[in-house]
PDB file of N, CA and C in Angstrom:
ATOM      1  N   MET A   1     -18.921 112.503 -46.775  1.00  0.00           N
ATOM      2  CA  MET A   1     -19.004 113.981 -46.470  1.00  0.00           C
ATOM      3  C   MET A   1     -17.664 114.519 -46.794  1.00  0.00           C
ATOM      4  N   PRO A   2     -17.589 115.708 -47.643  1.00  0.00           N
ATOM      5  CA  PRO A   2     -16.327 116.425 -47.814  1.00  0.00           C
ATOM      6  C   PRO A   2     -15.766 117.041 -46.655  1.00  0.00           C
ATOM      7  N   ILE A   3     -14.535 116.874 -46.240  1.00  0.00           N
ATOM      8  CA  ILE A   3     -13.890 117.565 -45.190  1.00  0.00           C
ATOM      9  C   ILE A   3     -12.752 118.469 -45.783  1.00  0.00           C
ATOM     10  N   SER A   4     -12.652 119.512 -45.525  1.00  0.00           N
ATOM     11  CA  SER A   4     -11.550 120.556 -46.038  1.00  0.00           C
ATOM     12  C   SER A   4     -10.242 120.164 -45.259  1.00  0.00           C
ATOM     13  N   ASP A   5      -9.270 120.764 -45.928  1.00  0.00           N
ATOM     14  CA  ASP A   5      -7.931 120.477 -45.353  1.00  0.00           C
ATOM     15  C   ASP A   5      -7.829 121.028 -43.919  1.00  0.00           C
ATOM     16  N   ALA A   6      -8.398 122.238 -43.712  1.00  0.00           N
ATOM     17  CA  ALA A   6      -8.274 122.854 -42.328  1.00  0.00           C
ATOM     18  C   ALA A   6      -9.195 121.927 -41.320  1.00  0.00           C
ATOM     19  N   GLU A   7     -10.270 121.506 -41.736  1.00  0.00           N
ATOM     20  CA  GLU A   7     -11.145 120.655 -41.042  1.00  0.00           C
ATOM     21  C   GLU A   7     -10.438 119.345 -40.725  1.00  0.00           C
ATOM     22  N   SER A   8      -9.668 118.827 -41.690  1.00  0.00           N
ATOM     23  CA  SER A   8      -8.903 117.590 -41.464  1.00  0.00           C
ATOM     24  C   SER A   8      -7.831 117.759 -40.298  1.00  0.00           C
ATOM     25  N   ILE A   9      -7.378 118.853 -40.110  1.00  0.00           N
ATOM     26  CA  ILE A   9      -6.289 119.072 -39.088  1.00  0.00           C
ATOM     27  C   ILE A   9      -7.074 118.982 -37.827  1.00  0.00           C
ATOM     28  N   VAL A  10      -8.217 119.517 -37.608  1.00  0.00           N
ATOM     29  CA  VAL A  10      -8.965 119.391 -36.443  1.00  0.00           C
ATOM     30  C   VAL A  10      -9.378 117.970 -36.102  1.00  0.00           C
ATOM     31  N   MET A  11      -9.765 117.337 -37.248  1.00  0.00           N
ATOM     32  CA  MET A  11     -10.085 115.784 -37.021  1.00  0.00           C
ATOM     33  C   MET A  11      -8.944 115.079 -36.586  1.00  0.00           C
ATOM     34  N   ASP A  12      -7.747 115.296 -37.217  1.00  0.00           N
ATOM     35  CA  ASP A  12      -6.518 114.565 -36.756  1.00  0.00           C
ATOM     36  C   ASP A  12      -6.232 114.708 -35.246  1.00  0.00           C
ATOM     37  N   VAL A  13      -6.513 115.972 -34.730  1.00  0.00           N
ATOM     38  CA  VAL A  13      -6.312 116.100 -33.231  1.00  0.00           C
ATOM     39  C   VAL A  13      -7.385 115.251 -32.457  1.00  0.00           C
ATOM     40  N   LEU A  14      -8.647 115.383 -33.022  1.00  0.00           N
ATOM     41  CA  LEU A  14      -9.651 114.506 -32.234  1.00  0.00           C
ATOM     42  C   LEU A  14      -9.486 112.970 -32.453  1.00  0.00           C
ATOM     43  N   TRP A  15      -8.901 112.552 -33.654  1.00  0.00           N
ATOM     44  CA  TRP A  15      -8.629 111.234 -33.708  1.00  0.00           C
ATOM     45  C   TRP A  15      -7.474 110.734 -32.726  1.00  0.00           C
ATOM     46  N   ARG A  16      -6.599 111.608 -32.483  1.00  0.00           N
ATOM     47  CA  ARG A  16      -5.503 111.189 -31.730  1.00  0.00           C
ATOM     48  C   ARG A  16      -5.927 111.133 -30.161  1.00  0.00           C
ATOM     49  N   SER A  17      -6.898 112.040 -29.749  1.00  0.00           N
ATOM     50  CA  SER A  17      -7.258 112.095 -28.350  1.00  0.00           C
ATOM     51  C   SER A  17      -8.597 112.861 -28.329  1.00  0.00           C
ATOM     52  N   SER A  18      -9.528 112.200 -27.650  1.00  0.00           N
ATOM     53  CA  SER A  18     -10.833 112.812 -27.457  1.00  0.00           C
ATOM     54  C   SER A  18     -11.551 112.170 -26.241  1.00  0.00           C
ATOM     55  N   PRO A  19     -12.409 112.875 -25.698  1.00  0.00           N
ATOM     56  CA  PRO A  19     -12.916 114.151 -26.099  1.00  0.00           C
ATOM     57  C   PRO A  19     -12.094 115.245 -25.670  1.00  0.00           C
ATOM     58  N   LEU A  20     -12.161 116.293 -26.376  1.00  0.00           N
ATOM     59  CA  LEU A  20     -11.388 117.547 -26.190  1.00  0.00           C
ATOM     60  C   LEU A  20     -12.133 118.844 -26.171  1.00  0.00           C
ATOM     61  N   ALA A  21     -11.816 119.763 -25.368  1.00  0.00           N
ATOM     62  CA  ALA A  21     -12.528 121.155 -25.402  1.00  0.00           C
ATOM     63  C   ALA A  21     -11.783 121.896 -26.608  1.00  0.00           C
ATOM     64  N   ALA A  22     -12.426 122.961 -26.931  1.00  0.00           N
ATOM     65  CA  ALA A  22     -11.930 123.859 -28.093  1.00  0.00           C
ATOM     66  C   ALA A  22     -10.626 124.440 -27.658  1.00  0.00           C
ATOM     67  N   GLU A  23     -10.351 124.772 -26.494  1.00  0.00           N
ATOM     68  CA  GLU A  23      -9.008 125.321 -25.982  1.00  0.00           C
ATOM     69  C   GLU A  23      -8.031 124.269 -26.084  1.00  0.00           C
ATOM     70  N   ASP A  24      -8.262 122.959 -25.840  1.00  0.00           N
ATOM     71  CA  ASP A  24      -7.348 121.921 -26.109  1.00  0.00           C
ATOM     72  C   ASP A  24      -6.936 121.858 -27.515  1.00  0.00           C
ATOM     73  N   ILE A  25      -7.891 121.908 -28.539  1.00  0.00           N
ATOM     74  CA  ILE A  25      -7.672 121.934 -29.816  1.00  0.00           C
ATOM     75  C   ILE A  25      -6.917 123.063 -30.380  1.00  0.00           C
ATOM     76  N   VAL A  26      -7.109 124.222 -29.790  1.00  0.00           N
ATOM     77  CA  VAL A  26      -6.447 125.473 -30.206  1.00  0.00           C
ATOM     78  C   VAL A  26      -4.959 125.208 -29.730  1.00  0.00           C
ATOM     79  N   ALA A  27      -4.792 124.651 -28.667  1.00  0.00           N
ATOM     80  CA  ALA A  27      -3.233 124.356 -28.066  1.00  0.00           C
ATOM     81  C   ALA A  27      -2.599 123.436 -29.034  1.00  0.00           C
ATOM     82  N   ALA A  28      -3.396 122.341 -29.382  1.00  0.00           N
ATOM     83  CA  ALA A  28      -2.731 121.302 -30.271  1.00  0.00           C
ATOM     84  C   ALA A  28      -2.485 121.923 -31.687  1.00  0.00           C
ATOM     85  N   THR A  29      -3.144 122.980 -32.214  1.00  0.00           N
ATOM     86  CA  THR A  29      -3.006 123.378 -33.495  1.00  0.00           C
ATOM     87  C   THR A  29      -2.147 124.593 -33.546  1.00  0.00           C
ATOM     88  N   ALA A  30      -1.928 125.263 -32.423  1.00  0.00           N
ATOM     89  CA  ALA A  30      -1.185 126.572 -32.400  1.00  0.00           C
ATOM     90  C   ALA A  30       0.153 126.594 -32.894  1.00  0.00           C
ATOM     91  N   ALA A  31       1.024 125.632 -32.666  1.00  0.00           N
ATOM     92  CA  ALA A  31       2.308 125.625 -33.179  1.00  0.00           C
ATOM     93  C   ALA A  31       2.407 125.499 -34.695  1.00  0.00           C
ATOM     94  N   GLY A  32       1.566 124.549 -35.224  1.00  0.00           N
ATOM     95  CA  GLY A  32       1.599 124.217 -36.647  1.00  0.00           C
ATOM     96  C   GLY A  32       0.837 125.237 -37.462  1.00  0.00           C
ATOM     97  N   GLN A  33      -0.279 125.692 -37.015  1.00  0.00           N
ATOM     98  CA  GLN A  33      -1.206 126.398 -37.667  1.00  0.00           C
ATOM     99  C   GLN A  33      -1.334 127.947 -37.306  1.00  0.00           C
ATOM    100  N   GLY A  34      -1.089 128.172 -36.040  1.00  0.00           N
ATOM    101  CA  GLY A  34      -1.239 129.435 -35.490  1.00  0.00           C
ATOM    102  C   GLY A  34      -2.651 130.009 -35.387  1.00  0.00           C
ATOM    103  N   TRP A  35      -3.626 129.070 -35.330  1.00  0.00           N
ATOM    104  CA  TRP A  35      -5.011 129.536 -35.286  1.00  0.00           C
ATOM    105  C   TRP A  35      -5.392 130.031 -33.940  1.00  0.00           C
ATOM    106  N   GLN A  36      -6.325 131.003 -33.979  1.00  0.00           N
ATOM    107  CA  GLN A  36      -6.911 131.600 -32.832  1.00  0.00           C
ATOM    108  C   GLN A  36      -8.173 130.704 -32.428  1.00  0.00           C
ATOM    109  N   GLU A  37      -8.771 131.024 -31.269  1.00  0.00           N
ATOM    110  CA  GLU A  37      -9.824 130.273 -30.765  1.00  0.00           C
ATOM    111  C   GLU A  37     -11.013 130.363 -31.673  1.00  0.00           C
ATOM    112  N   ALA A  38     -11.254 131.520 -32.293  1.00  0.00           N
ATOM    113  CA  ALA A  38     -12.366 131.839 -33.125  1.00  0.00           C
ATOM    114  C   ALA A  38     -12.258 130.787 -34.415  1.00  0.00           C
ATOM    115  N   THR A  39     -11.092 130.728 -34.921  1.00  0.00           N
ATOM    116  CA  THR A  39     -10.901 129.882 -36.082  1.00  0.00           C
ATOM    117  C   THR A  39     -11.176 128.468 -35.833  1.00  0.00           C
ATOM    118  N   VAL A  40     -10.849 127.961 -34.691  1.00  0.00           N
ATOM    119  CA  VAL A  40     -11.015 126.636 -34.351  1.00  0.00           C
ATOM    120  C   VAL A  40     -12.557 126.371 -34.064  1.00  0.00           C
ATOM    121  N   LYS A  41     -13.123 127.411 -33.421  1.00  0.00           N
ATOM    122  CA  LYS A  41     -14.667 127.143 -33.124  1.00  0.00           C
ATOM    123  C   LYS A  41     -15.317 127.217 -34.481  1.00  0.00           C
ATOM    124  N   THR A  42     -14.980 127.942 -35.318  1.00  0.00           N
ATOM    125  CA  THR A  42     -15.728 127.982 -36.689  1.00  0.00           C
ATOM    126  C   THR A  42     -15.490 126.599 -37.429  1.00  0.00           C
ATOM    127  N   LEU A  43     -14.241 126.076 -37.312  1.00  0.00           N
ATOM    128  CA  LEU A  43     -14.160 124.702 -38.009  1.00  0.00           C
ATOM    129  C   LEU A  43     -14.845 123.688 -37.124  1.00  0.00           C
ATOM    130  N   LEU A  44     -14.913 123.749 -35.817  1.00  0.00           N
ATOM    131  CA  LEU A  44     -15.713 122.860 -35.095  1.00  0.00           C
ATOM    132  C   LEU A  44     -17.184 122.885 -35.488  1.00  0.00           C
ATOM    133  N   ASN A  45     -17.693 124.168 -35.575  1.00  0.00           N
ATOM    134  CA  ASN A  45     -19.122 124.338 -35.955  1.00  0.00           C
ATOM    135  C   ASN A  45     -19.540 123.737 -37.340  1.00  0.00           C
ATOM    136  N   ARG A  46     -18.480 123.813 -38.225  1.00  0.00           N
ATOM    137  CA  ARG A  46     -18.533 123.228 -39.567  1.00  0.00           C
ATOM    138  C   ARG A  46     -18.787 121.733 -39.451  1.00  0.00           C
ATOM    139  N   LEU A  47     -17.701 121.186 -38.688  1.00  0.00           N
ATOM    140  CA  LEU A  47     -17.697 119.702 -38.499  1.00  0.00           C
ATOM    141  C   LEU A  47     -18.992 119.238 -37.774  1.00  0.00           C
ATOM    142  N   LEU A  48     -19.525 119.985 -36.938  1.00  0.00           N
ATOM    143  CA  LEU A  48     -20.772 119.557 -36.205  1.00  0.00           C
ATOM    144  C   LEU A  48     -21.904 119.595 -37.186  1.00  0.00           C
ATOM    145  N   ARG A  49     -22.006 120.544 -37.991  1.00  0.00           N
ATOM    146  CA  ARG A  49     -23.071 120.601 -39.098  1.00  0.00           C
ATOM    147  C   ARG A  49     -22.935 119.361 -40.114  1.00  0.00           C
ATOM    148  N   LYS A  50     -21.774 119.005 -40.372  1.00  0.00           N
ATOM    149  CA  LYS A  50     -21.501 117.890 -41.339  1.00  0.00           C
ATOM    150  C   LYS A  50     -21.715 116.582 -40.497  1.00  0.00           C
ATOM    151  N   LYS A  51     -21.899 116.598 -39.133  1.00  0.00           N
ATOM    152  CA  LYS A  51     -21.948 115.456 -38.357  1.00  0.00           C
ATOM    153  C   LYS A  51     -20.784 114.560 -38.375  1.00  0.00           C
ATOM    154  N   ALA A  52     -19.668 115.245 -38.577  1.00  0.00           N
ATOM    155  CA  ALA A  52     -18.294 114.449 -38.442  1.00  0.00           C
ATOM    156  C   ALA A  52     -17.841 114.459 -37.095  1.00  0.00           C
ATOM    157  N   ILE A  53     -18.415 115.312 -36.209  1.00  0.00           N
ATOM    158  CA  ILE A  53     -18.061 115.306 -34.670  1.00  0.00           C
ATOM    159  C   ILE A  53     -19.263 115.508 -33.902  1.00  0.00           C
ATOM    160  N   ALA A  54     -19.308 115.264 -32.653  1.00  0.00           N
ATOM    161  CA  ALA A  54     -20.270 115.401 -31.724  1.00  0.00           C
ATOM    162  C   ALA A  54     -19.771 116.297 -30.474  1.00  0.00           C
ATOM    163  N   ALA A  55     -20.761 117.082 -29.896  1.00  0.00           N
ATOM    164  CA  ALA A  55     -20.255 117.892 -28.772  1.00  0.00           C
ATOM    165  C   ALA A  55     -21.154 117.491 -27.720  1.00  0.00           C
ATOM    166  N   GLU A  56     -20.554 117.554 -26.366  1.00  0.00           N
ATOM    167  CA  GLU A  56     -21.177 117.231 -25.175  1.00  0.00           C
ATOM    168  C   GLU A  56     -20.900 118.232 -24.196  1.00  0.00           C
ATOM    169  N   ARG A  57     -21.922 118.726 -23.544  1.00  0.00           N
ATOM    170  CA  ARG A  57     -21.673 119.972 -22.506  1.00  0.00           C
ATOM    171  C   ARG A  57     -21.059 119.377 -21.368  1.00  0.00           C
ATOM    172  N   ASP A  58     -19.975 120.055 -20.907  1.00  0.00           N
ATOM    173  CA  ASP A  58     -19.259 119.712 -19.729  1.00  0.00           C
ATOM    174  C   ASP A  58     -18.915 121.049 -18.839  1.00  0.00           C
ATOM    175  N   GLY A  59     -20.050 121.244 -18.069  1.00  0.00           N
ATOM    176  CA  GLY A  59     -20.011 122.577 -17.305  1.00  0.00           C
ATOM    177  C   GLY A  59     -20.300 123.648 -18.196  1.00  0.00           C
ATOM    178  N   ARG A  60     -19.391 124.657 -18.277  1.00  0.00           N
ATOM    179  CA  ARG A  60     -19.408 125.813 -19.079  1.00  0.00           C
ATOM    180  C   ARG A  60     -18.909 125.664 -20.520  1.00  0.00           C
ATOM    181  N   ARG A  61     -18.276 124.449 -20.861  1.00  0.00           N
ATOM    182  CA  ARG A  61     -17.696 124.342 -22.090  1.00  0.00           C
ATOM    183  C   ARG A  61     -18.191 122.859 -22.848  1.00  0.00           C
ATOM    184  N   TYR A  62     -17.802 122.746 -23.988  1.00  0.00           N
ATOM    185  CA  TYR A  62     -18.190 121.499 -24.621  1.00  0.00           C
ATOM    186  C   TYR A  62     -16.911 120.722 -24.954  1.00  0.00           C
ATOM    187  N   LEU A  63     -17.173 119.329 -24.921  1.00  0.00           N
ATOM    188  CA  LEU A  63     -16.167 118.557 -25.276  1.00  0.00           C
ATOM    189  C   LEU A  63     -16.564 117.898 -26.590  1.00  0.00           C
ATOM    190  N   TYR A  64     -15.529 117.740 -27.548  1.00  0.00           N
ATOM    191  CA  TYR A  64     -15.758 117.327 -28.803  1.00  0.00           C
ATOM    192  C   TYR A  64     -15.130 115.851 -29.043  1.00  0.00           C
ATOM    193  N   ARG A  65     -15.779 115.155 -29.751  1.00  0.00           N
ATOM    194  CA  ARG A  65     -15.373 113.830 -30.128  1.00  0.00           C
ATOM    195  C   ARG A  65     -15.657 113.462 -31.594  1.00  0.00           C
ATOM    196  N   PRO A  66     -14.760 112.694 -32.206  1.00  0.00           N
ATOM    197  CA  PRO A  66     -15.196 112.382 -33.667  1.00  0.00           C
ATOM    198  C   PRO A  66     -16.276 111.384 -33.824  1.00  0.00           C
ATOM    199  N   LEU A  67     -17.187 111.579 -34.850  1.00  0.00           N
ATOM    200  CA  LEU A  67     -18.194 110.579 -35.183  1.00  0.00           C
ATOM    201  C   LEU A  67     -17.581 109.756 -36.351  1.00  0.00           C
ATOM    202  N   LEU A  68     -16.935 110.531 -37.237  1.00  0.00           N
ATOM    203  CA  LEU A  68     -16.382 109.995 -38.556  1.00  0.00           C
ATOM    204  C   LEU A  68     -15.115 109.282 -38.014  1.00  0.00           C
ATOM    205  N   LYS A  69     -14.970 108.051 -38.474  1.00  0.00           N
ATOM    206  CA  LYS A  69     -13.819 107.243 -38.107  1.00  0.00           C
ATOM    207  C   LYS A  69     -12.690 107.626 -39.163  1.00  0.00           C
ATOM    208  N   ARG A  70     -11.431 107.529 -38.648  1.00  0.00           N
ATOM    209  CA  ARG A  70     -10.366 108.026 -39.544  1.00  0.00           C
ATOM    210  C   ARG A  70     -10.176 106.998 -40.760  1.00  0.00           C
ATOM    211  N   GLY A  71     -10.583 105.837 -40.512  1.00  0.00           N
ATOM    212  CA  GLY A  71     -10.434 104.848 -41.675  1.00  0.00           C
ATOM    213  C   GLY A  71     -11.337 105.059 -42.787  1.00  0.00           C
ATOM    214  N   ASP A  72     -12.595 105.491 -42.392  1.00  0.00           N
ATOM    215  CA  ASP A  72     -13.655 105.894 -43.414  1.00  0.00           C
ATOM    216  C   ASP A  72     -13.259 107.258 -44.116  1.00  0.00           C
ATOM    217  N   TYR A  73     -12.654 108.048 -43.354  1.00  0.00           N
ATOM    218  CA  TYR A  73     -12.283 109.272 -44.057  1.00  0.00           C
ATOM    219  C   TYR A  73     -11.067 109.119 -44.980  1.00  0.00           C
ATOM    220  N   VAL A  74     -10.121 108.272 -44.508  1.00  0.00           N
ATOM    221  CA  VAL A  74      -9.060 107.951 -45.435  1.00  0.00           C
ATOM    222  C   VAL A  74      -9.490 107.149 -46.611  1.00  0.00           C
ATOM    223  N   HIS A  75     -10.372 106.310 -46.582  1.00  0.00           N
ATOM    224  CA  HIS A  75     -10.851 105.465 -47.661  1.00  0.00           C
ATOM    225  C   HIS A  75     -11.517 106.491 -48.578  1.00  0.00           C
ATOM    226  N   ALA A  76     -12.460 107.321 -48.153  1.00  0.00           N
ATOM    227  CA  ALA A  76     -13.261 108.238 -49.028  1.00  0.00           C
ATOM    228  C   ALA A  76     -12.324 109.183 -49.810  1.00  0.00           C
ATOM    229  N   ALA A  77     -11.369 109.761 -48.957  1.00  0.00           N
ATOM    230  CA  ALA A  77     -10.355 110.701 -49.607  1.00  0.00           C
ATOM    231  C   ALA A  77      -9.523 110.120 -50.640  1.00  0.00           C
ATOM    232  N   SER A  78      -8.945 108.879 -50.312  1.00  0.00           N
ATOM    233  CA  SER A  78      -8.071 108.215 -51.166  1.00  0.00           C
ATOM    234  C   SER A  78      -8.840 107.821 -52.500  1.00  0.00           C
ATOM    235  N   LYS A  79     -10.163 107.328 -52.343  1.00  0.00           N
ATOM    236  CA  LYS A  79     -10.829 106.892 -53.375  1.00  0.00           C
ATOM    237  C   LYS A  79     -11.163 108.070 -54.284  1.00  0.00           C
ATOM    238  N   GLY A  80     -11.567 109.323 -53.650  1.00  0.00           N
ATOM    239  CA  GLY A  80     -11.803 110.431 -54.419  1.00  0.00           C
ATOM    240  C   GLY A  80     -10.519 110.926 -55.240  1.00  0.00           C
ATOM    241  N   LEU A  81      -9.422 110.798 -54.639  1.00  0.00           N
ATOM    242  CA  LEU A  81      -8.142 111.246 -55.383  1.00  0.00           C
ATOM    243  C   LEU A  81      -7.924 110.169 -56.444  1.00  0.00           C
ATOM    244  N   LEU A  82      -8.037 109.018 -56.360  1.00  0.00           N
ATOM    245  CA  LEU A  82      -7.940 107.929 -57.413  1.00  0.00           C
ATOM    246  C   LEU A  82      -8.946 108.300 -58.565  1.00  0.00           C
ATOM    247  N   ASP A  83     -10.206 108.398 -58.111  1.00  0.00           N
ATOM    248  CA  ASP A  83     -11.111 108.738 -59.193  1.00  0.00           C
ATOM    249  C   ASP A  83     -10.877 109.991 -60.021  1.00  0.00           C
ATOM    250  N   ARG A  84     -10.605 111.041 -59.210  1.00  0.00           N
ATOM    251  CA  ARG A  84     -10.395 112.390 -60.040  1.00  0.00           C
ATOM    252  C   ARG A  84      -9.068 112.246 -60.887  1.00  0.00           C
ATOM    253  N   LEU A  85      -7.953 111.736 -60.427  1.00  0.00           N
ATOM    254  CA  LEU A  85      -6.693 111.820 -61.076  1.00  0.00           C
ATOM    255  C   LEU A  85      -6.355 110.603 -61.992  1.00  0.00           C
ATOM    256  N   PHE A  86      -6.895 109.378 -61.528  1.00  0.00           N
ATOM    257  CA  PHE A  86      -6.324 108.215 -62.197  1.00  0.00           C
ATOM    258  C   PHE A  86      -7.411 107.238 -62.687  1.00  0.00           C
ATOM    259  N   ASP A  87      -8.536 107.835 -62.939  1.00  0.00           N
ATOM    260  CA  ASP A  87      -9.753 107.071 -63.383  1.00  0.00           C
ATOM    261  C   ASP A  87      -9.968 105.824 -62.414  1.00  0.00           C
ATOM    262  N   GLY A  88      -9.751 105.987 -61.120  1.00  0.00           N
ATOM    263  CA  GLY A  88     -10.071 104.978 -60.117  1.00  0.00           C
ATOM    264  C   GLY A  88      -9.155 103.800 -60.111  1.00  0.00           C
ATOM    265  N   ARG A  89      -7.957 103.933 -60.845  1.00  0.00           N
ATOM    266  CA  ARG A  89      -7.089 102.904 -60.883  1.00  0.00           C
ATOM    267  C   ARG A  89      -5.809 103.169 -60.091  1.00  0.00           C
ATOM    268  N   VAL A  90      -5.302 102.280 -59.373  1.00  0.00           N
ATOM    269  CA  VAL A  90      -4.149 102.314 -58.484  1.00  0.00           C
ATOM    270  C   VAL A  90      -2.848 102.243 -59.352  1.00  0.00           C
ATOM    271  N   ALA A  91      -2.739 101.351 -60.317  1.00  0.00           N
ATOM    272  CA  ALA A  91      -1.553 101.166 -61.063  1.00  0.00           C
ATOM    273  C   ALA A  91      -1.034 102.566 -61.572  1.00  0.00           C
ATOM    274  N   PRO A  92      -1.847 103.372 -62.268  1.00  0.00           N
ATOM    275  CA  PRO A  92      -1.342 104.558 -62.818  1.00  0.00           C
ATOM    276  C   PRO A  92      -0.743 105.578 -61.556  1.00  0.00           C
ATOM    277  N   LEU A  93      -1.463 105.573 -60.427  1.00  0.00           N
ATOM    278  CA  LEU A  93      -0.945 106.207 -59.306  1.00  0.00           C
ATOM    279  C   LEU A  93       0.470 105.842 -58.964  1.00  0.00           C
ATOM    280  N   VAL A  94       0.753 104.560 -58.831  1.00  0.00           N
ATOM    281  CA  VAL A  94       1.947 104.036 -58.436  1.00  0.00           C
ATOM    282  C   VAL A  94       2.973 104.362 -59.546  1.00  0.00           C
ATOM    283  N   ALA A  95       2.656 104.232 -60.814  1.00  0.00           N
ATOM    284  CA  ALA A  95       3.469 104.610 -61.973  1.00  0.00           C
ATOM    285  C   ALA A  95       3.854 106.096 -61.840  1.00  0.00           C
ATOM    286  N   HIS A  96       2.961 106.955 -61.493  1.00  0.00           N
ATOM    287  CA  HIS A  96       3.195 108.390 -61.280  1.00  0.00           C
ATOM    288  C   HIS A  96       4.298 108.544 -60.398  1.00  0.00           C
ATOM    289  N   PHE A  97       4.206 107.900 -59.165  1.00  0.00           N
ATOM    290  CA  PHE A  97       5.323 108.188 -58.260  1.00  0.00           C
ATOM    291  C   PHE A  97       6.594 107.596 -58.552  1.00  0.00           C
ATOM    292  N   SER A  98       6.529 106.383 -59.206  1.00  0.00           N
ATOM    293  CA  SER A  98       7.794 105.865 -59.519  1.00  0.00           C
ATOM    294  C   SER A  98       8.436 106.637 -60.675  1.00  0.00           C
ATOM    295  N   GLU A  99       7.716 107.256 -61.632  1.00  0.00           N
ATOM    296  CA  GLU A  99       8.297 108.026 -62.712  1.00  0.00           C
ATOM    297  C   GLU A  99       9.007 109.237 -62.001  1.00  0.00           C
ATOM    298  N   ARG A 100       8.494 109.813 -60.960  1.00  0.00           N
ATOM    299  CA  ARG A 100       8.930 110.970 -60.341  1.00  0.00           C
ATOM    300  C   ARG A 100      10.051 110.643 -59.257  1.00  0.00           C
ATOM    301  N   ARG A 101      10.409 109.311 -59.266  1.00  0.00           N
ATOM    302  CA  ARG A 101      11.493 108.924 -58.202  1.00  0.00           C
ATOM    303  C   ARG A 101      11.046 109.195 -56.687  1.00  0.00           C
ATOM    304  N   LYS A 102       9.708 109.081 -56.545  1.00  0.00           N
ATOM    305  CA  LYS A 102       9.201 109.319 -55.073  1.00  0.00           C
ATOM    306  C   LYS A 102       9.014 108.036 -54.405  1.00  0.00           C
ATOM    307  N   LEU A 103       9.312 106.894 -54.953  1.00  0.00           N
ATOM    308  CA  LEU A 103       9.253 105.501 -54.195  1.00  0.00           C
ATOM    309  C   LEU A 103      10.579 105.254 -53.590  1.00  0.00           C
ATOM    310  N   THR A 104      10.709 105.058 -52.294  1.00  0.00           N
ATOM    311  CA  THR A 104      11.891 104.597 -51.714  1.00  0.00           C
ATOM    312  C   THR A 104      12.023 103.105 -51.891  1.00  0.00           C
ATOM    313  N   LYS A 105      13.241 102.550 -51.573  1.00  0.00           N
ATOM    314  CA  LYS A 105      13.461 101.046 -51.561  1.00  0.00           C
ATOM    315  C   LYS A 105      12.428 100.369 -50.562  1.00  0.00           C
ATOM    316  N   LYS A 106      12.208 101.039 -49.498  1.00  0.00           N
ATOM    317  CA  LYS A 106      11.302 100.414 -48.520  1.00  0.00           C
ATOM    318  C   LYS A 106       9.960 100.377 -49.139  1.00  0.00           C
ATOM    319  N   ASP A 107       9.435 101.607 -49.744  1.00  0.00           N
ATOM    320  CA  ASP A 107       8.029 101.461 -50.449  1.00  0.00           C
ATOM    321  C   ASP A 107       8.031 100.415 -51.524  1.00  0.00           C
ATOM    322  N   ILE A 108       9.072 100.293 -52.359  1.00  0.00           N
ATOM    323  CA  ILE A 108       9.092  99.161 -53.432  1.00  0.00           C
ATOM    324  C   ILE A 108       8.950  97.821 -52.726  1.00  0.00           C
ATOM    325  N   ALA A 109       9.644  97.549 -51.531  1.00  0.00           N
ATOM    326  CA  ALA A 109       9.669  96.361 -50.821  1.00  0.00           C
ATOM    327  C   ALA A 109       8.140  95.945 -50.326  1.00  0.00           C
ATOM    328  N   GLU A 110       7.712  97.081 -49.744  1.00  0.00           N
ATOM    329  CA  GLU A 110       6.294  96.835 -49.181  1.00  0.00           C
ATOM    330  C   GLU A 110       5.314  96.675 -50.343  1.00  0.00           C
ATOM    331  N   LEU A 111       5.447  97.300 -51.578  1.00  0.00           N
ATOM    332  CA  LEU A 111       4.494  97.042 -52.643  1.00  0.00           C
ATOM    333  C   LEU A 111       4.638  95.602 -53.137  1.00  0.00           C
ATOM    334  N   ARG A 112       5.825  95.179 -53.277  1.00  0.00           N
ATOM    335  CA  ARG A 112       6.150  93.764 -53.694  1.00  0.00           C
ATOM    336  C   ARG A 112       5.446  92.764 -52.754  1.00  0.00           C
ATOM    337  N   ALA A 113       5.667  93.018 -51.410  1.00  0.00           N
ATOM    338  CA  ALA A 113       5.027  92.044 -50.425  1.00  0.00           C
ATOM    339  C   ALA A 113       3.536  92.114 -50.497  1.00  0.00           C
ATOM    340  N   LEU A 114       2.990  93.275 -50.706  1.00  0.00           N
ATOM    341  CA  LEU A 114       1.511  93.329 -50.900  1.00  0.00           C
ATOM    342  C   LEU A 114       1.023  92.738 -52.084  1.00  0.00           C
ATOM    343  N   ILE A 115       1.735  92.869 -53.343  1.00  0.00           N
ATOM    344  CA  ILE A 115       1.371  92.160 -54.413  1.00  0.00           C
ATOM    345  C   ILE A 115       1.458  90.716 -54.317  1.00  0.00           C
ATOM    346  N   GLU A 116       2.394  90.165 -53.647  1.00  0.00           N
ATOM    347  CA  GLU A 116       2.593  88.696 -53.393  1.00  0.00           C
ATOM    348  C   GLU A 116       1.534  88.218 -52.475  1.00  0.00           C
ATOM    349  N   GLU A 117       1.139  89.125 -51.548  1.00  0.00           N
ATOM    350  CA  GLU A 117       0.007  88.696 -50.568  1.00  0.00           C
ATOM    351  C   GLU A 117      -1.275  88.625 -51.400  1.00  0.00           C
ATOM    352  N   LEU A 118      -1.522  89.470 -52.214  1.00  0.00           N
ATOM    353  CA  LEU A 118      -2.726  89.603 -52.998  1.00  0.00           C
ATOM    354  C   LEU A 118      -2.798  88.353 -54.075  1.00  0.00           C
ATOM    355  N   ASP A 119      -1.631  88.029 -54.572  1.00  0.00           N
ATOM    356  CA  ASP A 119      -1.590  86.834 -55.546  1.00  0.00           C
ATOM    357  C   ASP A 119      -1.811  85.516 -54.720  1.00  0.00           C
ATOM    358  N   ASP A 120      -1.283  85.562 -53.518  1.00  0.00           N
ATOM    359  CA  ASP A 120      -1.521  84.343 -52.754  1.00  0.00           C
ATOM    360  C   ASP A 120      -3.081  83.987 -52.389  1.00  0.00           C
ATOM    361  N   ASP A 121      -3.683  85.274 -52.179  1.00  0.00           N
ATOM    362  CA  ASP A 121      -5.232  85.197 -51.764  1.00  0.00           C
ATOM    363  C   ASP A 121      -6.072  84.852 -52.940  1.00  0.00           C
ATOM    364  N   ARG A 122      -5.504  84.838 -54.218  1.00  0.00           N
ATOM    365  CA  ARG A 122      -6.330  84.477 -55.268  1.00  0.00           C
ATOM    366  C   ARG A 122      -6.157  83.090 -55.715  1.00  0.00           C
TER     367      ARG A 122
END
């Protein structure tokens, strides 16, 4: 399911801690986004329609929790990025970042370790 950038901010809040009421999500996003309660409720309703979250009545309010797992979202979003920009291949993505000098020494060391691990598994 496609999740917008704004919706992903709400999902991040819920992945960190849930269940939460709308006012808790407003408080969690206020500093970074400056969203009003109406904006958050609009995003929550979109996520409910997409079945990315669930709502449970708690007295006079609703508590929201994620149905979409963060790992599943990251997998789909990263696969979409790879497919759209790099024909589904990881090597051109890494080359792109290396050409732009966006890889730190730590990144390179982690990539080497990952490649060695993958080679050992084969």
